[in-house]
């Protein structure tokens, strides 16, 4: 498992909640799907080091959460783009963001 910067994740992703770095570490290392999905969403929306932070998740788990993640209507375009970037980076899925595609 990669070295995870819990302090930065707390600052960037949990600024609105009273989570500790230990709470975040416990979620990543734990077995609670709802908590992990919550953490995934917080990272997906707020992290400045999106790919780095998601490396803390087991790849199979990450795939499952992304496949079942429903993009909320609030900030839907922003979140769906970030979700697609994660899918491209980790799972070689097609890039859906037109302005980032290579022109051939």
Protein backbone atom coordinates (compact mmCIF):
# COMPACT_ATOMS: atom_id res chain seq x y z
CA UNK A 1 0.00 0.00 0.00
CA UNK A 2 1.29 3.46 -0.82
CA UNK A 3 2.12 6.10 1.71
CA UNK A 4 -1.10 8.02 2.21
CA UNK A 5 -1.06 11.63 3.35
CA UNK A 6 -3.96 11.47 5.82
CA UNK A 7 -3.25 14.98 7.03
CA UNK A 8 -3.74 16.45 3.54
CA UNK A 9 -6.81 14.29 2.89
CA UNK A 10 -8.31 15.53 6.14
CA UNK A 11 -7.57 19.14 5.24
CA UNK A 12 -8.83 18.94 1.65
CA UNK A 13 -11.66 16.44 1.89
CA UNK A 14 -12.99 16.65 5.43
CA UNK A 15 -12.71 20.37 6.10
CA UNK A 16 -16.47 20.43 6.72
CA UNK A 17 -16.55 17.49 9.16
CA UNK A 18 -14.80 16.60 12.38
CA UNK A 19 -12.83 13.58 11.17
CA UNK A 20 -9.35 12.79 12.42
CA UNK A 21 -6.48 11.42 10.38
CA UNK A 22 -6.96 8.16 12.31
CA UNK A 23 -10.64 8.05 11.27
CA UNK A 24 -9.64 8.28 7.62
CA UNK A 25 -6.95 5.62 8.03
CA UNK A 26 -9.47 3.34 9.76
CA UNK A 27 -11.92 3.75 6.88
CA UNK A 28 -9.29 2.89 4.26
CA UNK A 29 -8.08 -0.14 6.22
CA UNK A 30 -11.53 -1.20 7.38
CA UNK A 31 -14.25 -3.38 5.90
CA UNK A 32 -17.23 -1.01 5.93
CA UNK A 33 -18.41 -0.49 2.33
CA UNK A 34 -20.60 2.52 3.17
CA UNK A 35 -17.74 4.31 4.88
CA UNK A 36 -15.34 3.49 2.04
CA UNK A 37 -17.84 4.73 -0.52
CA UNK A 38 -18.22 7.95 1.51
CA UNK A 39 -14.44 8.38 1.58
CA UNK A 40 -14.23 7.72 -2.16
CA UNK A 41 -16.80 10.44 -2.80
CA UNK A 42 -15.01 12.95 -0.57
CA UNK A 43 -11.72 12.27 -2.36
CA UNK A 44 -13.36 12.30 -5.79
CA UNK A 45 -14.91 15.71 -5.16
CA UNK A 46 -12.20 17.46 -3.14
CA UNK A 47 -8.74 15.94 -3.49
CA UNK A 48 -6.00 17.85 -5.30
CA UNK A 49 -4.08 14.56 -5.64
CA UNK A 50 -6.94 12.40 -6.83
CA UNK A 51 -5.01 9.45 -8.28
CA UNK A 52 -2.49 9.38 -5.46
CA UNK A 53 -5.20 9.35 -2.79
CA UNK A 54 -7.24 6.64 -4.49
CA UNK A 55 -4.22 4.34 -4.57
CA UNK A 56 -5.04 3.66 -0.91
CA UNK A 57 -8.04 1.63 -2.06
CA UNK A 58 -7.78 -1.97 -3.15
CA UNK A 59 -8.09 -1.95 -6.96
CA UNK A 60 -10.98 -4.43 -7.00
CA UNK A 61 -12.80 -2.44 -4.33
CA UNK A 62 -12.20 0.80 -6.20
CA UNK A 63 -13.61 -0.73 -9.38
CA UNK A 64 -16.72 -1.90 -7.54
CA UNK A 65 -17.34 1.49 -5.94
CA UNK A 66 -16.84 3.37 -9.20
CA UNK A 67 -19.15 1.01 -11.10
CA UNK A 68 -21.90 1.60 -8.54
CA UNK A 69 -21.26 5.29 -7.90
CA UNK A 70 -24.12 7.58 -8.85
CA UNK A 71 -22.92 11.04 -9.73
CA UNK A 72 -24.99 13.57 -7.76
CA UNK A 73 -26.84 16.30 -9.62
CA UNK A 74 -24.86 18.94 -7.71
CA UNK A 75 -21.62 19.55 -9.65
CA UNK A 76 -22.49 16.62 -11.92
CA UNK A 77 -20.25 17.69 -14.80
CA UNK A 78 -17.20 18.24 -12.57
CA UNK A 79 -17.66 15.00 -10.65
CA UNK A 80 -18.43 12.85 -13.70
CA UNK A 81 -15.26 14.17 -15.40
CA UNK A 82 -13.14 13.32 -12.36
CA UNK A 83 -14.77 9.89 -12.13
CA UNK A 84 -13.99 9.26 -15.80
CA UNK A 85 -10.36 10.33 -15.29
CA UNK A 86 -10.05 7.81 -12.45
CA UNK A 87 -11.58 5.08 -14.63
CA UNK A 88 -9.14 5.90 -17.44
CA UNK A 89 -6.12 6.05 -15.13
CA UNK A 90 -6.79 2.90 -13.10
CA UNK A 91 -8.85 0.71 -15.44
CA UNK A 92 -8.04 1.79 -19.03
CA UNK A 93 -11.64 2.69 -19.70
CA UNK A 94 -12.44 5.07 -22.58
CA UNK A 95 -11.89 8.77 -22.07
CA UNK A 96 -15.25 10.52 -22.38
CA UNK A 97 -14.03 14.10 -22.05
CA UNK A 98 -13.93 15.38 -25.62
CA UNK A 99 -11.56 18.28 -25.05
CA UNK A 100 -8.95 15.94 -23.56
CA UNK A 101 -9.00 13.41 -26.40
CA UNK A 102 -6.24 13.33 -28.97
CA UNK A 103 -7.39 14.53 -32.36
CA UNK A 104 -6.59 12.04 -35.11
